[in-house]
Amino acid sequence: MTGYYDYVLGLIPLALLGITLTLSVVGFPLTTAVPVASGVSGLFIGHALFVRSPVDPTAPAASPKTQRINAD
């Protein structure tokens, strides 16, 4: 089953190569096209890490309440 992170892993090289090639064909110099494409790839990576961060679905959720243990 293809998931979100599989798409992100596919989009990273696609963005690097596709955007670089497209900008080069349009007339931008390679020294401008590569950083722009890298920035777009970085946005994909940042979204995958910080907006839709990978979580362990089997891990118990942390309780906001702290339990008090009596030392008696």
PDB file of N, CA and C in Angstrom:
ATOM      1  N   MET A   1       0.846  -1.175   0.000  1.00  0.00           N
ATOM      2  CA  MET A   1       0.000   0.000   0.000  1.00  0.00           C
ATOM      3  C   MET A   1       0.897   1.246   0.000  1.00  0.00           C
ATOM      4  N   THR A   2       0.616   2.139  -0.887  1.00  0.00           N
ATOM      5  CA  THR A   2       1.398   3.359  -1.005  1.00  0.00           C
ATOM      6  C   THR A   2       0.869   4.392  -0.018  1.00  0.00           C
ATOM      7  N   GLY A   3       1.778   4.928   0.779  1.00  0.00           N
ATOM      8  CA  GLY A   3       1.390   5.903   1.784  1.00  0.00           C
ATOM      9  C   GLY A   3       1.963   7.279   1.489  1.00  0.00           C
ATOM     10  N   TYR A   4       1.699   8.179   2.395  1.00  0.00           N
ATOM     11  CA  TYR A   4       2.129   9.573   2.251  1.00  0.00           C
ATOM     12  C   TYR A   4       3.641   9.683   2.104  1.00  0.00           C
ATOM     13  N   TYR A   5       4.374   8.953   2.933  1.00  0.00           N
ATOM     14  CA  TYR A   5       5.832   9.073   2.917  1.00  0.00           C
ATOM     15  C   TYR A   5       6.441   8.450   1.664  1.00  0.00           C
ATOM     16  N   ASP A   6       5.770   7.487   1.072  1.00  0.00           N
ATOM     17  CA  ASP A   6       6.221   6.944  -0.212  1.00  0.00           C
ATOM     18  C   ASP A   6       6.124   8.009  -1.294  1.00  0.00           C
ATOM     19  N   TYR A   7       5.028   8.769  -1.272  1.00  0.00           N
ATOM     20  CA  TYR A   7       4.883   9.864  -2.237  1.00  0.00           C
ATOM     21  C   TYR A   7       5.947  10.934  -2.026  1.00  0.00           C
ATOM     22  N   VAL A   8       6.230  11.250  -0.784  1.00  0.00           N
ATOM     23  CA  VAL A   8       7.254  12.261  -0.486  1.00  0.00           C
ATOM     24  C   VAL A   8       8.614  11.801  -0.988  1.00  0.00           C
ATOM     25  N   LEU A   9       8.940  10.521  -0.761  1.00  0.00           N
ATOM     26  CA  LEU A   9      10.221  10.003  -1.235  1.00  0.00           C
ATOM     27  C   LEU A   9      10.305  10.021  -2.751  1.00  0.00           C
ATOM     28  N   GLY A  10       9.196   9.878  -3.428  1.00  0.00           N
ATOM     29  CA  GLY A  10       9.204   9.972  -4.880  1.00  0.00           C
ATOM     30  C   GLY A  10       9.264  11.396  -5.386  1.00  0.00           C
ATOM     31  N   LEU A  11       8.661  12.318  -4.631  1.00  0.00           N
ATOM     32  CA  LEU A  11       8.630  13.714  -5.060  1.00  0.00           C
ATOM     33  C   LEU A  11       9.970  14.432  -4.883  1.00  0.00           C
ATOM     34  N   ILE A  12      10.789  13.969  -3.979  1.00  0.00           N
ATOM     35  CA  ILE A  12      12.066  14.649  -3.731  1.00  0.00           C
ATOM     36  C   ILE A  12      12.959  14.632  -4.985  1.00  0.00           C
ATOM     37  N   PRO A  13      13.286  13.468  -5.564  1.00  0.00           N
ATOM     38  CA  PRO A  13      14.118  13.507  -6.777  1.00  0.00           C
ATOM     39  C   PRO A  13      13.369  14.072  -7.974  1.00  0.00           C
ATOM     40  N   LEU A  14      12.045  13.853  -8.016  1.00  0.00           N
ATOM     41  CA  LEU A  14      11.262  14.406  -9.115  1.00  0.00           C
ATOM     42  C   LEU A  14      11.321  15.931  -9.106  1.00  0.00           C
ATOM     43  N   ALA A  15      11.223  16.527  -7.926  1.00  0.00           N
ATOM     44  CA  ALA A  15      11.312  17.983  -7.826  1.00  0.00           C
ATOM     45  C   ALA A  15      12.714  18.472  -8.168  1.00  0.00           C
ATOM     46  N   LEU A  16      13.723  17.768  -7.658  1.00  0.00           N
ATOM     47  CA  LEU A  16      15.102  18.189  -7.945  1.00  0.00           C
ATOM     48  C   LEU A  16      15.393  18.165  -9.445  1.00  0.00           C
ATOM     49  N   LEU A  17      15.059  17.070 -10.086  1.00  0.00           N
ATOM     50  CA  LEU A  17      15.366  16.950 -11.511  1.00  0.00           C
ATOM     51  C   LEU A  17      14.382  17.721 -12.385  1.00  0.00           C
ATOM     52  N   GLY A  18      13.097  17.583 -12.087  1.00  0.00           N
ATOM     53  CA  GLY A  18      12.081  18.207 -12.929  1.00  0.00           C
ATOM     54  C   GLY A  18      12.109  19.722 -12.905  1.00  0.00           C
ATOM     55  N   ILE A  19      12.212  20.287 -11.726  1.00  0.00           N
ATOM     56  CA  ILE A  19      12.213  21.748 -11.614  1.00  0.00           C
ATOM     57  C   ILE A  19      13.511  22.321 -12.174  1.00  0.00           C
ATOM     58  N   THR A  20      14.642  21.632 -11.906  1.00  0.00           N
ATOM     59  CA  THR A  20      15.913  22.092 -12.455  1.00  0.00           C
ATOM     60  C   THR A  20      15.883  22.078 -13.980  1.00  0.00           C
ATOM     61  N   LEU A  21      15.390  20.996 -14.551  1.00  0.00           N
ATOM     62  CA  LEU A  21      15.317  20.895 -16.004  1.00  0.00           C
ATOM     63  C   LEU A  21      14.359  21.933 -16.582  1.00  0.00           C
ATOM     64  N   THR A  22      13.203  22.086 -15.956  1.00  0.00           N
ATOM     65  CA  THR A  22      12.217  23.049 -16.456  1.00  0.00           C
ATOM     66  C   THR A  22      12.758  24.477 -16.408  1.00  0.00           C
ATOM     67  N   LEU A  23      13.358  24.853 -15.300  1.00  0.00           N
ATOM     68  CA  LEU A  23      13.900  26.208 -15.193  1.00  0.00           C
ATOM     69  C   LEU A  23      15.065  26.430 -16.153  1.00  0.00           C
ATOM     70  N   SER A  24      15.859  25.394 -16.381  1.00  0.00           N
ATOM     71  CA  SER A  24      16.972  25.521 -17.327  1.00  0.00           C
ATOM     72  C   SER A  24      16.467  25.703 -18.748  1.00  0.00           C
ATOM     73  N   VAL A  25      15.417  24.974 -19.113  1.00  0.00           N
ATOM     74  CA  VAL A  25      14.855  25.093 -20.457  1.00  0.00           C
ATOM     75  C   VAL A  25      14.221  26.462 -20.662  1.00  0.00           C
ATOM     76  N   VAL A  26      13.588  26.983 -19.617  1.00  0.00           N
ATOM     77  CA  VAL A  26      12.938  28.296 -19.713  1.00  0.00           C
ATOM     78  C   VAL A  26      13.965  29.409 -19.870  1.00  0.00           C
ATOM     79  N   GLY A  27      15.169  29.201 -19.368  1.00  0.00           N
ATOM     80  CA  GLY A  27      16.198  30.212 -19.572  1.00  0.00           C
ATOM     81  C   GLY A  27      16.945  30.620 -18.317  1.00  0.00           C
ATOM     82  N   PHE A  28      16.608  30.055 -17.173  1.00  0.00           N
ATOM     83  CA  PHE A  28      17.335  30.370 -15.956  1.00  0.00           C
ATOM     84  C   PHE A  28      18.683  29.670 -15.970  1.00  0.00           C
ATOM     85  N   PRO A  29      19.704  30.305 -15.416  1.00  0.00           N
ATOM     86  CA  PRO A  29      21.002  29.622 -15.349  1.00  0.00           C
ATOM     87  C   PRO A  29      20.943  28.456 -14.353  1.00  0.00           C
ATOM     88  N   LEU A  30      21.811  27.501 -14.555  1.00  0.00           N
ATOM     89  CA  LEU A  30      21.835  26.310 -13.712  1.00  0.00           C
ATOM     90  C   LEU A  30      22.119  26.659 -12.252  1.00  0.00           C
ATOM     91  N   THR A  31      22.900  27.720 -12.033  1.00  0.00           N
ATOM     92  CA  THR A  31      23.225  28.127 -10.663  1.00  0.00           C
ATOM     93  C   THR A  31      22.023  28.727  -9.941  1.00  0.00           C
ATOM     94  N   THR A  32      20.972  29.049 -10.652  1.00  0.00           N
ATOM     95  CA  THR A  32      19.728  29.514 -10.034  1.00  0.00           C
ATOM     96  C   THR A  32      18.715  28.381  -9.967  1.00  0.00           C
ATOM     97  N   ALA A  33      18.679  27.540 -10.988  1.00  0.00           N
ATOM     98  CA  ALA A  33      17.680  26.478 -11.060  1.00  0.00           C
ATOM     99  C   ALA A  33      17.883  25.418  -9.973  1.00  0.00           C
ATOM    100  N   VAL A  34      19.110  25.059  -9.702  1.00  0.00           N
ATOM    101  CA  VAL A  34      19.383  24.015  -8.706  1.00  0.00           C
ATOM    102  C   VAL A  34      18.981  24.458  -7.296  1.00  0.00           C
ATOM    103  N   PRO A  35      19.343  25.663  -6.830  1.00  0.00           N
ATOM    104  CA  PRO A  35      18.893  26.068  -5.492  1.00  0.00           C
ATOM    105  C   PRO A  35      17.367  26.192  -5.371  1.00  0.00           C
ATOM    106  N   VAL A  36      16.701  26.629  -6.421  1.00  0.00           N
ATOM    107  CA  VAL A  36      15.238  26.719  -6.368  1.00  0.00           C
ATOM    108  C   VAL A  36      14.642  25.321  -6.238  1.00  0.00           C
ATOM    109  N   ALA A  37      15.128  24.384  -7.030  1.00  0.00           N
ATOM    110  CA  ALA A  37      14.633  23.010  -6.956  1.00  0.00           C
ATOM    111  C   ALA A  37      14.954  22.384  -5.599  1.00  0.00           C
ATOM    112  N   SER A  38      16.121  22.692  -5.061  1.00  0.00           N
ATOM    113  CA  SER A  38      16.482  22.178  -3.742  1.00  0.00           C
ATOM    114  C   SER A  38      15.573  22.750  -2.661  1.00  0.00           C
ATOM    115  N   GLY A  39      15.202  23.994  -2.802  1.00  0.00           N
ATOM    116  CA  GLY A  39      14.285  24.601  -1.843  1.00  0.00           C
ATOM    117  C   GLY A  39      12.921  23.945  -1.861  1.00  0.00           C
ATOM    118  N   VAL A  40      12.433  23.625  -3.043  1.00  0.00           N
ATOM    119  CA  VAL A  40      11.136  22.938  -3.144  1.00  0.00           C
ATOM    120  C   VAL A  40      11.237  21.552  -2.525  1.00  0.00           C
ATOM    121  N   SER A  41      12.318  20.845  -2.784  1.00  0.00           N
ATOM    122  CA  SER A  41      12.514  19.528  -2.172  1.00  0.00           C
ATOM    123  C   SER A  41      12.605  19.647  -0.653  1.00  0.00           C
ATOM    124  N   GLY A  42      13.258  20.686  -0.192  1.00  0.00           N
ATOM    125  CA  GLY A  42      13.342  20.930   1.250  1.00  0.00           C
ATOM    126  C   GLY A  42      11.985  21.197   1.869  1.00  0.00           C
ATOM    127  N   LEU A  43      11.122  21.861   1.118  1.00  0.00           N
ATOM    128  CA  LEU A  43       9.762  22.090   1.615  1.00  0.00           C
ATOM    129  C   LEU A  43       8.999  20.774   1.744  1.00  0.00           C
ATOM    130  N   PHE A  44       9.180  19.873   0.783  1.00  0.00           N
ATOM    131  CA  PHE A  44       8.545  18.556   0.888  1.00  0.00           C
ATOM    132  C   PHE A  44       9.042  17.806   2.120  1.00  0.00           C
ATOM    133  N   ILE A  45      10.338  17.845   2.339  1.00  0.00           N
ATOM    134  CA  ILE A  45      10.925  17.157   3.486  1.00  0.00           C
ATOM    135  C   ILE A  45      10.445  17.791   4.789  1.00  0.00           C
ATOM    136  N   GLY A  46      10.427  19.120   4.839  1.00  0.00           N
ATOM    137  CA  GLY A  46       9.960  19.813   6.042  1.00  0.00           C
ATOM    138  C   GLY A  46       8.507  19.509   6.345  1.00  0.00           C
ATOM    139  N   HIS A  47       7.689  19.439   5.315  1.00  0.00           N
ATOM    140  CA  HIS A  47       6.277  19.107   5.524  1.00  0.00           C
ATOM    141  C   HIS A  47       6.139  17.694   6.075  1.00  0.00           C
ATOM    142  N   ALA A  48       6.930  16.769   5.546  1.00  0.00           N
ATOM    143  CA  ALA A  48       6.851  15.386   6.006  1.00  0.00           C
ATOM    144  C   ALA A  48       7.357  15.232   7.436  1.00  0.00           C
ATOM    145  N   LEU A  49       8.324  16.044   7.827  1.00  0.00           N
ATOM    146  CA  LEU A  49       8.884  15.915   9.170  1.00  0.00           C
ATOM    147  C   LEU A  49       8.114  16.675  10.233  1.00  0.00           C
ATOM    148  N   PHE A  50       7.633  17.869   9.895  1.00  0.00           N
ATOM    149  CA  PHE A  50       7.086  18.725  10.927  1.00  0.00           C
ATOM    150  C   PHE A  50       5.574  18.910  10.858  1.00  0.00           C
ATOM    151  N   VAL A  51       4.987  18.875   9.678  1.00  0.00           N
ATOM    152  CA  VAL A  51       3.535  19.049   9.579  1.00  0.00           C
ATOM    153  C   VAL A  51       2.840  17.709   9.750  1.00  0.00           C
ATOM    154  N   ARG A  52       3.297  16.702   9.015  1.00  0.00           N
ATOM    155  CA  ARG A  52       2.754  15.353   9.155  1.00  0.00           C
ATOM    156  C   ARG A  52       3.853  14.449   9.681  1.00  0.00           C
ATOM    157  N   SER A  53       4.230  14.676  10.907  1.00  0.00           N
ATOM    158  CA  SER A  53       5.357  13.947  11.476  1.00  0.00           C
ATOM    159  C   SER A  53       5.017  12.475  11.662  1.00  0.00           C
ATOM    160  N   PRO A  54       6.008  11.631  11.447  1.00  0.00           N
ATOM    161  CA  PRO A  54       5.769  10.202  11.629  1.00  0.00           C
ATOM    162  C   PRO A  54       5.621   9.887  13.111  1.00  0.00           C
ATOM    163  N   VAL A  55       4.591   9.156  13.433  1.00  0.00           N
ATOM    164  CA  VAL A  55       4.347   8.775  14.821  1.00  0.00           C
ATOM    165  C   VAL A  55       4.171   7.271  14.890  1.00  0.00           C
ATOM    166  N   ASP A  56       4.416   6.727  16.040  1.00  0.00           N
ATOM    167  CA  ASP A  56       4.224   5.303  16.261  1.00  0.00           C
ATOM    168  C   ASP A  56       2.774   5.085  16.685  1.00  0.00           C
ATOM    169  N   PRO A  57       1.963   4.429  15.856  1.00  0.00           N
ATOM    170  CA  PRO A  57       0.546   4.287  16.198  1.00  0.00           C
ATOM    171  C   PRO A  57       0.298   3.366  17.383  1.00  0.00           C
ATOM    172  N   THR A  58       1.279   2.543  17.781  1.00  0.00           N
ATOM    173  CA  THR A  58       1.079   1.636  18.905  1.00  0.00           C
ATOM    174  C   THR A  58       1.552   2.216  20.226  1.00  0.00           C
ATOM    175  N   ALA A  59       2.220   3.348  20.199  1.00  0.00           N
ATOM    176  CA  ALA A  59       2.718   3.957  21.429  1.00  0.00           C
ATOM    177  C   ALA A  59       1.550   4.565  22.202  1.00  0.00           C
ATOM    178  N   PRO A  60       1.541   4.384  23.510  1.00  0.00           N
ATOM    179  CA  PRO A  60       0.460   4.981  24.304  1.00  0.00           C
ATOM    180  C   PRO A  60       0.584   6.502  24.331  1.00  0.00           C
ATOM    181  N   ALA A  61      -0.554   7.151  24.314  1.00  0.00           N
ATOM    182  CA  ALA A  61      -0.565   8.612  24.355  1.00  0.00           C
ATOM    183  C   ALA A  61      -0.166   9.086  25.740  1.00  0.00           C
ATOM    184  N   ALA A  62       0.619  10.129  25.781  1.00  0.00           N
ATOM    185  CA  ALA A  62       1.044  10.702  27.059  1.00  0.00           C
ATOM    186  C   ALA A  62      -0.131  11.418  27.706  1.00  0.00           C
ATOM    187  N   SER A  63      -0.309  11.194  28.966  1.00  0.00           N
ATOM    188  CA  SER A  63      -1.405  11.818  29.693  1.00  0.00           C
ATOM    189  C   SER A  63      -0.999  13.219  30.125  1.00  0.00           C
ATOM    190  N   PRO A  64      -1.866  14.201  29.933  1.00  0.00           N
ATOM    191  CA  PRO A  64      -1.511  15.559  30.372  1.00  0.00           C
ATOM    192  C   PRO A  64      -1.488  15.684  31.882  1.00  0.00           C
ATOM    193  N   LYS A  65      -2.169  14.786  32.578  1.00  0.00           N
ATOM    194  CA  LYS A  65      -2.177  14.825  34.031  1.00  0.00           C
ATOM    195  C   LYS A  65      -1.009  14.010  34.567  1.00  0.00           C
ATOM    196  N   THR A  66      -0.358  14.532  35.589  1.00  0.00           N
ATOM    197  CA  THR A  66       0.721  13.810  36.199  1.00  0.00           C
ATOM    198  C   THR A  66       0.171  13.028  37.384  1.00  0.00           C
ATOM    199  N   GLN A  67       0.623  11.821  37.555  1.00  0.00           N
ATOM    200  CA  GLN A  67       0.147  11.004  38.644  1.00  0.00           C
ATOM    201  C   GLN A  67       1.038  11.248  39.851  1.00  0.00           C
ATOM    202  N   ARG A  68       0.398  11.379  40.982  1.00  0.00           N
ATOM    203  CA  ARG A  68       1.134  11.635  42.202  1.00  0.00           C
ATOM    204  C   ARG A  68       1.261  10.318  42.964  1.00  0.00           C
ATOM    205  N   ILE A  69       2.477   9.981  43.310  1.00  0.00           N
ATOM    206  CA  ILE A  69       2.725   8.738  44.033  1.00  0.00           C
ATOM    207  C   ILE A  69       3.002   9.107  45.495  1.00  0.00           C
ATOM    208  N   ASN A  70       2.246   8.482  46.374  1.00  0.00           N
ATOM    209  CA  ASN A  70       2.439   8.715  47.810  1.00  0.00           C
ATOM    210  C   ASN A  70       3.623   7.914  48.307  1.00  0.00           C
ATOM    211  N   ALA A  71       4.456   8.537  49.082  1.00  0.00           N
ATOM    212  CA  ALA A  71       5.648   7.881  49.620  1.00  0.00           C
ATOM    213  C   ALA A  71       5.354   7.211  50.949  1.00  0.00           C
ATOM    214  N   ASP A  72       4.103   7.169  51.369  1.00  0.00           N
ATOM    215  CA  ASP A  72       3.753   6.561  52.668  1.00  0.00           C
ATOM    216  C   ASP A  72       3.909   5.089  52.641  1.00  0.00           C
TER     217      ASP A  72
END
